Amino acid sequence: MTKSFLILGGGGHARVLIETLCSQGGMIEAIVAPELRQVPEFQGVKHLHHDDDVEAYEPDSIKLVNAVGSLPNDAKLREQLFKRFKSAGYSFATVVSSTATLSKYVQLSEGCQVLPRATLNACEVGANTIVNTGAIIEHDVVIGSNCHIAPGAIICGNVSIGDNVHVGAGAVVIQGVSIAEGAIVGAGSVVKQNLSATSVHYPAKSFIKEGS
């Protein structure tokens, strides 16, 4: 299996993925992004400016890494890149941090990314989905494709999450809940009931009660 990677995207998510891959002996062939910041992870790496430049590489000579972030505004571009290059015959690396904890019964689909200190018990994670730093995925959870489980989110047991769902940082999804395709769970939310497709779950309004 190739250890040479093309990184699609040049933002903060790319920095995390490059550090993870290099710590595991991977070689970064190039970063594909219109512009690159001057940060340590990008130093000395070939810079390709256009997505079309990927086609200079034979599909079996390289692994792609989808480093476009997955905030709700970025998710569509991330999905489009995945579908475009899959249809052209390329394959995407599944990236798992060495500091993540995974059950031997976890099922990860192509292009999944499991970032530092995430914990996954026996669960299924769909293609092109991010399980971000410190997230917890409990037993018997099924997560669809093109999702983002943001840093510190907790998905309790027997939860079903459809495609293209965003679960915000620090959110908690209580056991047995079903979240339909395209829903957004706001950061800090506690989800106790099923969510319909494309719905948005807002956290409770915060307030401060002054002491007497």
N, C-alpha and C. Protein backbone atom coordinates (compact mmCIF):
# COMPACT_ATOMS: atom_id res chain seq x y z
N MET A 1 0.85 -1.19 0.00
CA MET A 1 0.00 0.00 0.00
C MET A 1 0.89 1.24 0.00
N THR A 2 0.51 2.20 -0.83
CA THR A 2 1.31 3.40 -0.96
C THR A 2 1.34 4.20 0.34
N LYS A 3 2.48 4.83 0.58
CA LYS A 3 2.62 5.72 1.72
C LYS A 3 2.78 7.16 1.25
N SER A 4 2.43 7.44 0.01
CA SER A 4 2.58 8.76 -0.56
C SER A 4 1.20 9.40 -0.71
N PHE A 5 1.06 10.65 -0.23
CA PHE A 5 -0.26 11.25 -0.12
C PHE A 5 -0.32 12.61 -0.81
N LEU A 6 -1.44 12.88 -1.44
CA LEU A 6 -1.79 14.21 -1.92
C LEU A 6 -2.83 14.78 -0.97
N ILE A 7 -2.56 15.97 -0.43
CA ILE A 7 -3.45 16.60 0.54
C ILE A 7 -4.32 17.61 -0.19
N LEU A 8 -5.64 17.43 -0.14
CA LEU A 8 -6.57 18.34 -0.80
C LEU A 8 -7.06 19.36 0.22
N GLY A 9 -6.49 20.57 0.17
CA GLY A 9 -6.85 21.61 1.12
C GLY A 9 -5.65 22.07 1.91
N GLY A 10 -5.64 23.36 2.26
CA GLY A 10 -4.47 23.92 2.93
C GLY A 10 -4.78 24.72 4.17
N GLY A 11 -5.85 24.33 4.88
CA GLY A 11 -6.21 25.05 6.10
C GLY A 11 -5.76 24.32 7.35
N GLY A 12 -6.41 24.65 8.46
CA GLY A 12 -6.03 24.06 9.73
C GLY A 12 -6.24 22.56 9.79
N HIS A 13 -7.29 22.08 9.14
CA HIS A 13 -7.53 20.63 9.13
C HIS A 13 -6.39 19.90 8.42
N ALA A 14 -5.86 20.51 7.38
CA ALA A 14 -4.71 19.91 6.68
C ALA A 14 -3.50 19.80 7.60
N ARG A 15 -3.29 20.79 8.44
CA ARG A 15 -2.14 20.75 9.37
C ARG A 15 -2.22 19.52 10.28
N VAL A 16 -3.42 19.27 10.83
CA VAL A 16 -3.59 18.13 11.73
C VAL A 16 -3.35 16.82 11.00
N LEU A 17 -3.90 16.70 9.80
CA LEU A 17 -3.76 15.45 9.04
C LEU A 17 -2.31 15.20 8.63
N ILE A 18 -1.61 16.25 8.21
CA ILE A 18 -0.21 16.09 7.81
C ILE A 18 0.63 15.65 9.00
N GLU A 19 0.42 16.27 10.15
CA GLU A 19 1.18 15.86 11.32
C GLU A 19 0.93 14.39 11.66
N THR A 20 -0.34 13.97 11.58
CA THR A 20 -0.68 12.58 11.86
C THR A 20 -0.01 11.63 10.89
N LEU A 21 -0.11 11.93 9.60
CA LEU A 21 0.46 11.05 8.58
C LEU A 21 1.98 10.97 8.69
N CYS A 22 2.63 12.10 8.90
CA CYS A 22 4.09 12.09 8.99
C CYS A 22 4.58 11.35 10.23
N SER A 23 3.81 11.42 11.32
CA SER A 23 4.20 10.70 12.53
C SER A 23 4.11 9.20 12.34
N GLN A 24 3.38 8.76 11.31
CA GLN A 24 3.22 7.34 11.02
C GLN A 24 4.06 6.90 9.82
N GLY A 25 4.98 7.76 9.39
CA GLY A 25 5.89 7.40 8.31
C GLY A 25 5.38 7.72 6.92
N GLY A 26 4.28 8.43 6.82
CA GLY A 26 3.75 8.79 5.50
C GLY A 26 4.58 9.87 4.83
N MET A 27 4.54 9.89 3.50
CA MET A 27 5.24 10.91 2.71
C MET A 27 4.21 11.82 2.05
N ILE A 28 4.32 13.12 2.26
CA ILE A 28 3.41 14.08 1.65
C ILE A 28 3.98 14.49 0.30
N GLU A 29 3.33 14.05 -0.75
CA GLU A 29 3.78 14.36 -2.11
C GLU A 29 3.53 15.83 -2.44
N ALA A 30 2.35 16.32 -2.10
CA ALA A 30 2.01 17.71 -2.42
C ALA A 30 0.75 18.11 -1.68
N ILE A 31 0.57 19.43 -1.56
CA ILE A 31 -0.66 20.01 -1.02
C ILE A 31 -1.36 20.74 -2.14
N VAL A 32 -2.66 20.47 -2.31
CA VAL A 32 -3.43 21.09 -3.38
C VAL A 32 -4.34 22.14 -2.76
N ALA A 33 -4.03 23.42 -3.01
CA ALA A 33 -4.80 24.52 -2.44
C ALA A 33 -4.46 25.80 -3.18
N PRO A 34 -5.40 26.72 -3.33
CA PRO A 34 -5.10 27.97 -4.03
C PRO A 34 -3.96 28.74 -3.38
N GLU A 35 -3.94 28.78 -2.04
CA GLU A 35 -2.90 29.49 -1.31
C GLU A 35 -2.51 28.67 -0.09
N LEU A 36 -1.28 28.87 0.37
CA LEU A 36 -0.81 28.19 1.57
C LEU A 36 -0.26 29.21 2.56
N ARG A 37 -0.58 29.01 3.83
CA ARG A 37 -0.01 29.83 4.88
C ARG A 37 1.41 29.35 5.19
N GLN A 38 2.17 30.22 5.80
CA GLN A 38 3.53 29.87 6.20
C GLN A 38 3.49 29.24 7.60
N VAL A 39 3.22 27.95 7.61
CA VAL A 39 3.17 27.21 8.87
C VAL A 39 4.13 26.02 8.77
N PRO A 40 4.63 25.51 9.90
CA PRO A 40 5.67 24.48 9.84
C PRO A 40 5.29 23.23 9.05
N GLU A 41 4.04 22.80 9.17
CA GLU A 41 3.64 21.56 8.51
C GLU A 41 3.71 21.64 6.99
N PHE A 42 3.65 22.84 6.43
CA PHE A 42 3.63 23.00 4.98
C PHE A 42 5.02 23.29 4.40
N GLN A 43 5.99 23.50 5.25
CA GLN A 43 7.32 23.87 4.77
C GLN A 43 7.95 22.73 3.98
N GLY A 44 8.50 23.07 2.82
CA GLY A 44 9.22 22.09 2.01
C GLY A 44 8.35 21.12 1.24
N VAL A 45 7.02 21.32 1.26
CA VAL A 45 6.10 20.43 0.54
C VAL A 45 5.69 21.09 -0.77
N LYS A 46 5.66 20.31 -1.83
CA LYS A 46 5.24 20.83 -3.14
C LYS A 46 3.83 21.41 -3.04
N HIS A 47 3.63 22.56 -3.70
CA HIS A 47 2.34 23.24 -3.67
C HIS A 47 1.71 23.19 -5.06
N LEU A 48 0.57 22.52 -5.17
CA LEU A 48 -0.22 22.51 -6.39
C LEU A 48 -1.41 23.44 -6.20
N HIS A 49 -1.67 24.31 -7.17
CA HIS A 49 -2.64 25.38 -6.97
C HIS A 49 -4.06 25.02 -7.38
N HIS A 50 -4.23 23.99 -8.20
CA HIS A 50 -5.54 23.71 -8.78
C HIS A 50 -5.91 22.24 -8.60
N ASP A 51 -7.19 21.98 -8.39
CA ASP A 51 -7.66 20.60 -8.25
C ASP A 51 -7.33 19.77 -9.49
N ASP A 52 -7.34 20.41 -10.66
CA ASP A 52 -7.04 19.68 -11.90
C ASP A 52 -5.62 19.11 -11.89
N ASP A 53 -4.72 19.70 -11.07
CA ASP A 53 -3.34 19.22 -11.02
C ASP A 53 -3.24 17.80 -10.48
N VAL A 54 -4.26 17.37 -9.75
CA VAL A 54 -4.28 15.99 -9.24
C VAL A 54 -4.20 14.98 -10.38
N GLU A 55 -4.77 15.33 -11.51
CA GLU A 55 -4.86 14.40 -12.63
C GLU A 55 -3.52 14.11 -13.29
N ALA A 56 -2.47 14.83 -12.87
CA ALA A 56 -1.12 14.51 -13.35
C ALA A 56 -0.60 13.23 -12.71
N TYR A 57 -1.25 12.75 -11.67
CA TYR A 57 -0.85 11.53 -10.97
C TYR A 57 -1.77 10.38 -11.36
N GLU A 58 -1.19 9.23 -11.62
CA GLU A 58 -1.99 8.04 -11.88
C GLU A 58 -2.74 7.65 -10.60
N PRO A 59 -4.00 7.25 -10.72
CA PRO A 59 -4.79 6.93 -9.53
C PRO A 59 -4.17 5.87 -8.63
N ASP A 60 -3.44 4.91 -9.22
CA ASP A 60 -2.87 3.85 -8.38
C ASP A 60 -1.50 4.22 -7.82
N SER A 61 -1.03 5.45 -8.07
CA SER A 61 0.30 5.86 -7.60
C SER A 61 0.25 6.71 -6.34
N ILE A 62 -0.95 7.06 -5.89
CA ILE A 62 -1.10 8.06 -4.84
C ILE A 62 -2.36 7.79 -4.04
N LYS A 63 -2.37 8.22 -2.79
CA LYS A 63 -3.59 8.24 -2.00
C LYS A 63 -3.98 9.69 -1.75
N LEU A 64 -5.25 9.99 -1.93
CA LEU A 64 -5.73 11.34 -1.64
C LEU A 64 -6.17 11.44 -0.19
N VAL A 65 -5.98 12.63 0.38
CA VAL A 65 -6.44 12.91 1.74
C VAL A 65 -7.29 14.17 1.66
N ASN A 66 -8.56 14.02 2.02
CA ASN A 66 -9.49 15.15 1.93
C ASN A 66 -9.32 16.03 3.16
N ALA A 67 -8.58 17.12 2.99
CA ALA A 67 -8.26 18.00 4.12
C ALA A 67 -9.10 19.26 4.13
N VAL A 68 -10.16 19.28 3.34
CA VAL A 68 -11.11 20.39 3.43
C VAL A 68 -11.89 20.22 4.74
N GLY A 69 -12.02 21.30 5.49
CA GLY A 69 -12.74 21.22 6.76
C GLY A 69 -14.20 20.89 6.55
N SER A 70 -14.90 20.61 7.64
CA SER A 70 -16.28 20.18 7.51
C SER A 70 -17.22 20.97 8.40
N LEU A 71 -16.98 22.26 8.56
CA LEU A 71 -18.02 23.11 9.11
C LEU A 71 -19.18 23.12 8.11
N PRO A 72 -20.39 23.44 8.55
CA PRO A 72 -21.53 23.37 7.61
C PRO A 72 -21.30 24.08 6.28
N ASN A 73 -20.58 25.21 6.29
CA ASN A 73 -20.35 25.94 5.05
C ASN A 73 -19.35 25.26 4.13
N ASP A 74 -18.48 24.41 4.68
CA ASP A 74 -17.45 23.74 3.89
C ASP A 74 -17.86 22.33 3.44
N ALA A 75 -18.89 21.80 4.07
CA ALA A 75 -19.21 20.38 3.89
C ALA A 75 -19.51 20.02 2.45
N LYS A 76 -20.20 20.89 1.73
CA LYS A 76 -20.57 20.57 0.35
C LYS A 76 -19.32 20.45 -0.53
N LEU A 77 -18.35 21.36 -0.37
CA LEU A 77 -17.11 21.27 -1.14
C LEU A 77 -16.37 19.98 -0.81
N ARG A 78 -16.33 19.63 0.46
CA ARG A 78 -15.67 18.39 0.88
C ARG A 78 -16.30 17.18 0.19
N GLU A 79 -17.62 17.14 0.19
CA GLU A 79 -18.33 16.04 -0.46
C GLU A 79 -18.08 16.03 -1.97
N GLN A 80 -18.10 17.21 -2.59
CA GLN A 80 -17.89 17.29 -4.04
C GLN A 80 -16.51 16.78 -4.44
N LEU A 81 -15.48 17.14 -3.67
CA LEU A 81 -14.13 16.66 -3.96
C LEU A 81 -14.05 15.14 -3.86
N PHE A 82 -14.65 14.60 -2.83
CA PHE A 82 -14.63 13.15 -2.64
C PHE A 82 -15.29 12.46 -3.83
N LYS A 83 -16.45 12.91 -4.21
CA LYS A 83 -17.18 12.26 -5.31
C LYS A 83 -16.46 12.45 -6.65
N ARG A 84 -15.91 13.64 -6.86
CA ARG A 84 -15.23 13.90 -8.14
C ARG A 84 -14.06 12.94 -8.34
N PHE A 85 -13.21 12.82 -7.34
CA PHE A 85 -11.99 12.02 -7.53
C PHE A 85 -12.26 10.53 -7.38
N LYS A 86 -13.28 10.15 -6.63
CA LYS A 86 -13.67 8.74 -6.61
C LYS A 86 -14.15 8.31 -7.99
N SER A 87 -14.95 9.15 -8.64
CA SER A 87 -15.47 8.80 -9.97
C SER A 87 -14.36 8.77 -11.01
N ALA A 88 -13.23 9.47 -10.73
CA ALA A 88 -12.09 9.46 -11.64
C ALA A 88 -11.13 8.31 -11.36
N GLY A 89 -11.46 7.48 -10.38
CA GLY A 89 -10.65 6.30 -10.11
C GLY A 89 -9.65 6.42 -8.98
N TYR A 90 -9.62 7.56 -8.30
CA TYR A 90 -8.69 7.74 -7.18
C TYR A 90 -9.28 7.14 -5.90
N SER A 91 -8.42 6.86 -4.95
CA SER A 91 -8.87 6.37 -3.65
C SER A 91 -8.39 7.32 -2.56
N PHE A 92 -9.14 7.34 -1.46
CA PHE A 92 -8.86 8.23 -0.35
C PHE A 92 -8.33 7.45 0.85
N ALA A 93 -7.33 8.00 1.48
CA ALA A 93 -6.76 7.37 2.66
C ALA A 93 -7.71 7.50 3.85
N THR A 94 -7.78 6.44 4.62
CA THR A 94 -8.44 6.48 5.92
C THR A 94 -7.36 6.80 6.95
N VAL A 95 -7.52 7.91 7.64
CA VAL A 95 -6.48 8.42 8.54
C VAL A 95 -6.94 8.24 9.98
N VAL A 96 -6.14 7.56 10.78
CA VAL A 96 -6.47 7.33 12.19
C VAL A 96 -5.27 7.74 13.04
N SER A 97 -5.47 8.69 13.92
CA SER A 97 -4.39 9.13 14.80
C SER A 97 -3.91 8.00 15.70
N SER A 98 -2.63 7.98 15.97
CA SER A 98 -2.06 6.97 16.86
C SER A 98 -2.55 7.14 18.30
N THR A 99 -3.08 8.31 18.63
CA THR A 99 -3.57 8.53 19.99
C THR A 99 -5.07 8.28 20.13
N ALA A 100 -5.74 7.93 19.03
CA ALA A 100 -7.15 7.56 19.10
C ALA A 100 -7.28 6.15 19.67
N THR A 101 -8.41 5.86 20.29
CA THR A 101 -8.68 4.54 20.85
C THR A 101 -9.86 3.93 20.11
N LEU A 102 -9.60 2.80 19.43
CA LEU A 102 -10.63 2.17 18.62
C LEU A 102 -10.85 0.73 19.05
N SER A 103 -12.11 0.36 19.19
CA SER A 103 -12.46 -1.05 19.39
C SER A 103 -12.05 -1.85 18.16
N LYS A 104 -11.73 -3.11 18.37
CA LYS A 104 -11.40 -3.97 17.22
C LYS A 104 -12.63 -4.23 16.35
N TYR A 105 -13.80 -3.84 16.82
CA TYR A 105 -15.04 -4.06 16.07
C TYR A 105 -15.50 -2.81 15.32
N VAL A 106 -14.73 -1.75 15.36
CA VAL A 106 -15.07 -0.55 14.60
C VAL A 106 -14.99 -0.84 13.10
N GLN A 107 -15.92 -0.30 12.35
CA GLN A 107 -15.91 -0.40 10.89
C GLN A 107 -15.79 1.00 10.30
N LEU A 108 -14.67 1.28 9.65
CA LEU A 108 -14.41 2.58 9.05
C LEU A 108 -14.45 2.45 7.54
N SER A 109 -15.23 3.30 6.90
CA SER A 109 -15.30 3.31 5.43
C SER A 109 -14.19 4.20 4.86
N GLU A 110 -14.03 4.14 3.56
CA GLU A 110 -12.95 4.85 2.88
C GLU A 110 -12.99 6.36 3.17
N GLY A 111 -11.82 6.89 3.45
CA GLY A 111 -11.70 8.33 3.63
C GLY A 111 -12.08 8.85 5.00
N CYS A 112 -12.43 7.96 5.93
CA CYS A 112 -12.71 8.40 7.31
C CYS A 112 -11.46 9.01 7.93
N GLN A 113 -11.67 9.93 8.83
CA GLN A 113 -10.55 10.54 9.57
C GLN A 113 -10.90 10.55 11.05
N VAL A 114 -10.06 9.89 11.84
CA VAL A 114 -10.26 9.81 13.29
C VAL A 114 -9.08 10.52 13.93
N LEU A 115 -9.35 11.63 14.58
CA LEU A 115 -8.29 12.52 15.02
C LEU A 115 -7.88 12.26 16.48
N PRO A 116 -6.85 12.97 16.95
CA PRO A 116 -6.25 12.62 18.25
C PRO A 116 -7.25 12.50 19.40
N ARG A 117 -7.04 11.47 20.20
CA ARG A 117 -7.75 11.20 21.45
C ARG A 117 -9.24 10.92 21.26
N ALA A 118 -9.67 10.72 20.04
CA ALA A 118 -11.05 10.25 19.84
C ALA A 118 -11.16 8.82 20.36
N THR A 119 -12.35 8.45 20.82
CA THR A 119 -12.61 7.10 21.31
C THR A 119 -13.81 6.52 20.57
N LEU A 120 -13.61 5.37 19.93
CA LEU A 120 -14.68 4.72 19.19
C LEU A 120 -14.85 3.30 19.71
N ASN A 121 -16.01 3.00 20.26
CA ASN A 121 -16.35 1.63 20.59
C ASN A 121 -16.95 0.97 19.36
N ALA A 122 -17.56 -0.18 19.50
CA ALA A 122 -18.06 -0.94 18.35
C ALA A 122 -19.11 -0.11 17.60
N CYS A 123 -18.72 0.44 16.46
CA CYS A 123 -19.60 1.33 15.70
C CYS A 123 -19.23 1.27 14.22
N GLU A 124 -20.06 1.92 13.39
CA GLU A 124 -19.80 2.01 11.95
C GLU A 124 -19.73 3.48 11.56
N VAL A 125 -18.71 3.82 10.77
CA VAL A 125 -18.52 5.21 10.34
C VAL A 125 -18.44 5.24 8.82
N GLY A 126 -19.27 6.06 8.19
CA GLY A 126 -19.37 6.10 6.74
C GLY A 126 -18.21 6.83 6.08
N ALA A 127 -18.19 6.76 4.75
CA ALA A 127 -17.11 7.31 3.95
C ALA A 127 -17.01 8.83 4.10
N ASN A 128 -15.77 9.33 4.11
CA ASN A 128 -15.49 10.76 4.07
C ASN A 128 -16.00 11.49 5.32
N THR A 129 -16.13 10.77 6.43
CA THR A 129 -16.60 11.36 7.68
C THR A 129 -15.43 11.65 8.60
N ILE A 130 -15.52 12.76 9.33
CA ILE A 130 -14.52 13.16 10.30
C ILE A 130 -15.04 12.89 11.71
N VAL A 131 -14.25 12.17 12.50
CA VAL A 131 -14.49 12.09 13.94
C VAL A 131 -13.36 12.89 14.57
N ASN A 132 -13.67 14.06 15.05
CA ASN A 132 -12.64 15.03 15.39
C ASN A 132 -12.08 14.82 16.80
N THR A 133 -11.13 15.66 17.16
CA THR A 133 -10.33 15.51 18.36
C THR A 133 -11.19 15.31 19.61
N GLY A 134 -10.93 14.24 20.34
CA GLY A 134 -11.57 14.01 21.62
C GLY A 134 -13.03 13.60 21.58
N ALA A 135 -13.57 13.36 20.39
CA ALA A 135 -14.97 12.92 20.31
C ALA A 135 -15.09 11.49 20.83
N ILE A 136 -16.28 11.15 21.33
CA ILE A 136 -16.55 9.81 21.83
C ILE A 136 -17.74 9.22 21.07
N ILE A 137 -17.52 8.06 20.47
CA ILE A 137 -18.58 7.35 19.75
C ILE A 137 -18.80 6.03 20.47
N GLU A 138 -19.99 5.85 21.02
CA GLU A 138 -20.24 4.67 21.83
C GLU A 138 -20.71 3.47 20.97
N HIS A 139 -21.03 2.38 21.65
CA HIS A 139 -21.37 1.11 21.01
C HIS A 139 -22.64 1.20 20.15
N ASP A 140 -22.64 0.43 19.08
CA ASP A 140 -23.82 0.25 18.22
C ASP A 140 -24.29 1.55 17.57
N VAL A 141 -23.39 2.48 17.37
CA VAL A 141 -23.69 3.71 16.66
C VAL A 141 -23.40 3.51 15.17
N VAL A 142 -24.27 4.03 14.33
CA VAL A 142 -24.06 4.02 12.88
C VAL A 142 -24.05 5.46 12.39
N ILE A 143 -22.94 5.88 11.79
CA ILE A 143 -22.77 7.24 11.28
C ILE A 143 -22.65 7.17 9.76
N GLY A 144 -23.38 8.02 9.06
CA GLY A 144 -23.38 8.00 7.61
C GLY A 144 -22.14 8.64 7.00
N SER A 145 -22.22 8.88 5.70
CA SER A 145 -21.12 9.46 4.94
C SER A 145 -21.13 10.99 5.02
N ASN A 146 -19.95 11.57 4.84
CA ASN A 146 -19.79 13.04 4.75
C ASN A 146 -20.27 13.75 6.01
N CYS A 147 -20.10 13.12 7.15
CA CYS A 147 -20.50 13.74 8.43
C CYS A 147 -19.28 14.36 9.11
N HIS A 148 -19.57 15.19 10.10
CA HIS A 148 -18.52 15.74 10.96
C HIS A 148 -18.98 15.64 12.40
N ILE A 149 -18.26 14.85 13.18
CA ILE A 149 -18.47 14.79 14.62
C ILE A 149 -17.38 15.66 15.22
N ALA A 150 -17.73 16.84 15.66
CA ALA A 150 -16.76 17.88 16.00
C ALA A 150 -16.06 17.58 17.32
N PRO A 151 -14.99 18.33 17.64
CA PRO A 151 -14.21 18.06 18.85
C PRO A 151 -15.07 17.99 20.11
N GLY A 152 -14.82 16.95 20.90
CA GLY A 152 -15.47 16.82 22.19
C GLY A 152 -16.91 16.38 22.17
N ALA A 153 -17.48 16.11 21.01
CA ALA A 153 -18.87 15.64 20.95
C ALA A 153 -18.96 14.22 21.49
N ILE A 154 -20.11 13.89 22.06
CA ILE A 154 -20.35 12.57 22.62
C ILE A 154 -21.59 11.98 21.96
N ILE A 155 -21.42 10.83 21.32
CA ILE A 155 -22.53 10.11 20.70
C ILE A 155 -22.76 8.85 21.52
N CYS A 156 -23.86 8.81 22.25
CA CYS A 156 -24.13 7.68 23.13
C CYS A 156 -24.60 6.46 22.32
N GLY A 157 -24.80 5.35 23.00
CA GLY A 157 -25.05 4.08 22.33
C GLY A 157 -26.34 4.03 21.52
N ASN A 158 -26.32 3.19 20.47
CA ASN A 158 -27.50 2.92 19.64
C ASN A 158 -28.06 4.15 18.94
N VAL A 159 -27.20 5.08 18.61
CA VAL A 159 -27.60 6.27 17.87
C VAL A 159 -27.40 6.02 16.37
N SER A 160 -28.33 6.52 15.56
CA SER A 160 -28.23 6.44 14.10
C SER A 160 -28.12 7.85 13.54
N ILE A 161 -27.07 8.08 12.74
CA ILE A 161 -26.82 9.40 12.16
C ILE A 161 -26.75 9.25 10.65
N GLY A 162 -27.58 10.00 9.93
CA GLY A 162 -27.62 9.92 8.48
C GLY A 162 -26.44 10.62 7.82
N ASP A 163 -26.46 10.66 6.49
CA ASP A 163 -25.40 11.32 5.72
C ASP A 163 -25.45 12.83 5.93
N ASN A 164 -24.28 13.45 5.77
CA ASN A 164 -24.17 14.92 5.74
C ASN A 164 -24.69 15.60 7.01
N VAL A 165 -24.45 14.96 8.14
CA VAL A 165 -24.86 15.53 9.43
C VAL A 165 -23.65 16.19 10.10
N HIS A 166 -23.87 17.34 10.70
CA HIS A 166 -22.84 18.03 11.47
C HIS A 166 -23.25 18.02 12.93
N VAL A 167 -22.40 17.45 13.78
CA VAL A 167 -22.62 17.46 15.22
C VAL A 167 -21.56 18.37 15.83
N GLY A 168 -21.98 19.49 16.39
CA GLY A 168 -21.07 20.53 16.81
C GLY A 168 -20.24 20.18 18.03
N ALA A 169 -19.24 21.00 18.28
CA ALA A 169 -18.29 20.76 19.36
C ALA A 169 -19.01 20.69 20.71
N GLY A 170 -18.67 19.65 21.48
CA GLY A 170 -19.20 19.51 22.81
C GLY A 170 -20.66 19.10 22.89
N ALA A 171 -21.28 18.79 21.77
CA ALA A 171 -22.68 18.35 21.78
C ALA A 171 -22.77 16.93 22.34
N VAL A 172 -23.93 16.59 22.88
CA VAL A 172 -24.20 15.26 23.40
C VAL A 172 -25.47 14.73 22.74
N VAL A 173 -25.37 13.55 22.15
CA VAL A 173 -26.54 12.89 21.58
C VAL A 173 -26.87 11.69 22.46
N ILE A 174 -28.03 11.73 23.08
CA ILE A 174 -28.43 10.71 24.05
C ILE A 174 -28.74 9.39 23.33
N GLN A 175 -28.59 8.28 24.05
CA GLN A 175 -28.73 6.95 23.47
C GLN A 175 -30.08 6.76 22.78
N GLY A 176 -30.02 6.02 21.66
CA GLY A 176 -31.22 5.63 20.94
C GLY A 176 -31.79 6.66 20.00
N VAL A 177 -31.18 7.84 19.92
CA VAL A 177 -31.70 8.91 19.07
C VAL A 177 -31.34 8.65 17.61
N SER A 178 -32.22 9.08 16.71
CA SER A 178 -31.97 9.01 15.27
C SER A 178 -31.88 10.43 14.71
N ILE A 179 -30.81 10.71 13.97
CA ILE A 179 -30.62 12.02 13.35
C ILE A 179 -30.61 11.84 11.85
N ALA A 180 -31.56 12.46 11.17
CA ALA A 180 -31.73 12.24 9.73
C ALA A 180 -30.76 13.07 8.90
N GLU A 181 -30.68 12.75 7.63
CA GLU A 181 -29.72 13.33 6.70
C GLU A 181 -29.76 14.86 6.70
N GLY A 182 -28.58 15.45 6.73
CA GLY A 182 -28.45 16.89 6.58
C GLY A 182 -28.75 17.71 7.81
N ALA A 183 -29.03 17.08 8.94
CA ALA A 183 -29.33 17.83 10.15
C ALA A 183 -28.05 18.46 10.73
N ILE A 184 -28.24 19.52 11.49
CA ILE A 184 -27.13 20.19 12.17
C ILE A 184 -27.44 20.23 13.66
N VAL A 185 -26.48 19.76 14.45
CA VAL A 185 -26.59 19.81 15.90
C VAL A 185 -25.64 20.90 16.38
N GLY A 186 -26.16 21.94 16.97
CA GLY A 186 -25.34 23.06 17.38
C GLY A 186 -24.37 22.70 18.49
N ALA A 187 -23.26 23.41 18.54
CA ALA A 187 -22.26 23.18 19.58
C ALA A 187 -22.90 23.30 20.96
N GLY A 188 -22.59 22.35 21.83
CA GLY A 188 -23.09 22.38 23.18
C GLY A 188 -24.51 21.88 23.35
N SER A 189 -25.14 21.43 22.29
CA SER A 189 -26.51 20.92 22.38
C SER A 189 -26.56 19.58 23.11
N VAL A 190 -27.71 19.29 23.70
CA VAL A 190 -28.01 17.97 24.23
C VAL A 190 -29.24 17.47 23.49
N VAL A 191 -29.04 16.47 22.63
CA VAL A 191 -30.12 15.98 21.77
C VAL A 191 -30.78 14.78 22.44
N LYS A 192 -32.06 14.93 22.78
CA LYS A 192 -32.79 13.88 23.50
C LYS A 192 -33.90 13.25 22.67
N GLN A 193 -34.12 13.77 21.46
CA GLN A 193 -35.19 13.24 20.62
C GLN A 193 -34.72 13.21 19.17
N ASN A 194 -35.43 12.44 18.34
CA ASN A 194 -35.05 12.29 16.94
C ASN A 194 -35.10 13.64 16.22
N LEU A 195 -34.19 13.79 15.26
CA LEU A 195 -34.15 15.00 14.44
C LEU A 195 -34.48 14.65 13.00
N SER A 196 -35.34 15.44 12.38
CA SER A 196 -35.72 15.20 10.99
C SER A 196 -34.66 15.74 10.04
N ALA A 197 -34.77 15.38 8.78
CA ALA A 197 -33.79 15.78 7.76
C ALA A 197 -33.69 17.30 7.68
N THR A 198 -32.46 17.79 7.58
CA THR A 198 -32.10 19.20 7.42
C THR A 198 -32.54 20.08 8.59
N SER A 199 -32.96 19.50 9.68
CA SER A 199 -33.33 20.32 10.84
C SER A 199 -32.08 20.82 11.55
N VAL A 200 -32.27 21.84 12.39
CA VAL A 200 -31.17 22.41 13.18
C VAL A 200 -31.55 22.35 14.65
N HIS A 201 -30.68 21.75 15.45
CA HIS A 201 -30.93 21.66 16.89
C HIS A 201 -30.06 22.69 17.59
N TYR A 202 -30.70 23.66 18.23
CA TYR A 202 -29.98 24.73 18.91
C TYR A 202 -29.78 24.37 20.38
N PRO A 203 -28.65 24.78 20.97
CA PRO A 203 -28.47 24.54 22.41
C PRO A 203 -29.39 25.44 23.22
N ALA A 204 -29.61 25.04 24.47
CA ALA A 204 -30.40 25.88 25.36
C ALA A 204 -29.75 27.24 25.52
N LYS A 205 -30.54 28.27 25.64
CA LYS A 205 -30.01 29.62 25.80
C LYS A 205 -29.29 29.73 27.14
N SER A 206 -28.08 30.20 27.10
CA SER A 206 -27.31 30.36 28.34
C SER A 206 -27.71 31.63 29.07
N PHE A 207 -27.61 31.61 30.38
CA PHE A 207 -27.89 32.79 31.17
C PHE A 207 -27.07 32.75 32.43
N ILE A 208 -26.92 33.92 33.06
CA ILE A 208 -26.18 34.03 34.32
C ILE A 208 -27.14 34.55 35.39
N LYS A 209 -27.22 33.82 36.49
CA LYS A 209 -28.05 34.26 37.61
C LYS A 209 -27.11 34.85 38.66
N GLU A 210 -27.29 36.13 38.91
CA GLU A 210 -26.43 36.82 39.87
C GLU A 210 -26.81 36.39 41.29
N GLY A 211 -25.79 36.26 42.14
CA GLY A 211 -26.05 35.93 43.53
C GLY A 211 -26.72 37.07 44.27
N SER A 212 -27.45 36.74 45.30
CA SER A 212 -28.15 37.76 46.08
C SER A 212 -27.18 38.47 47.05
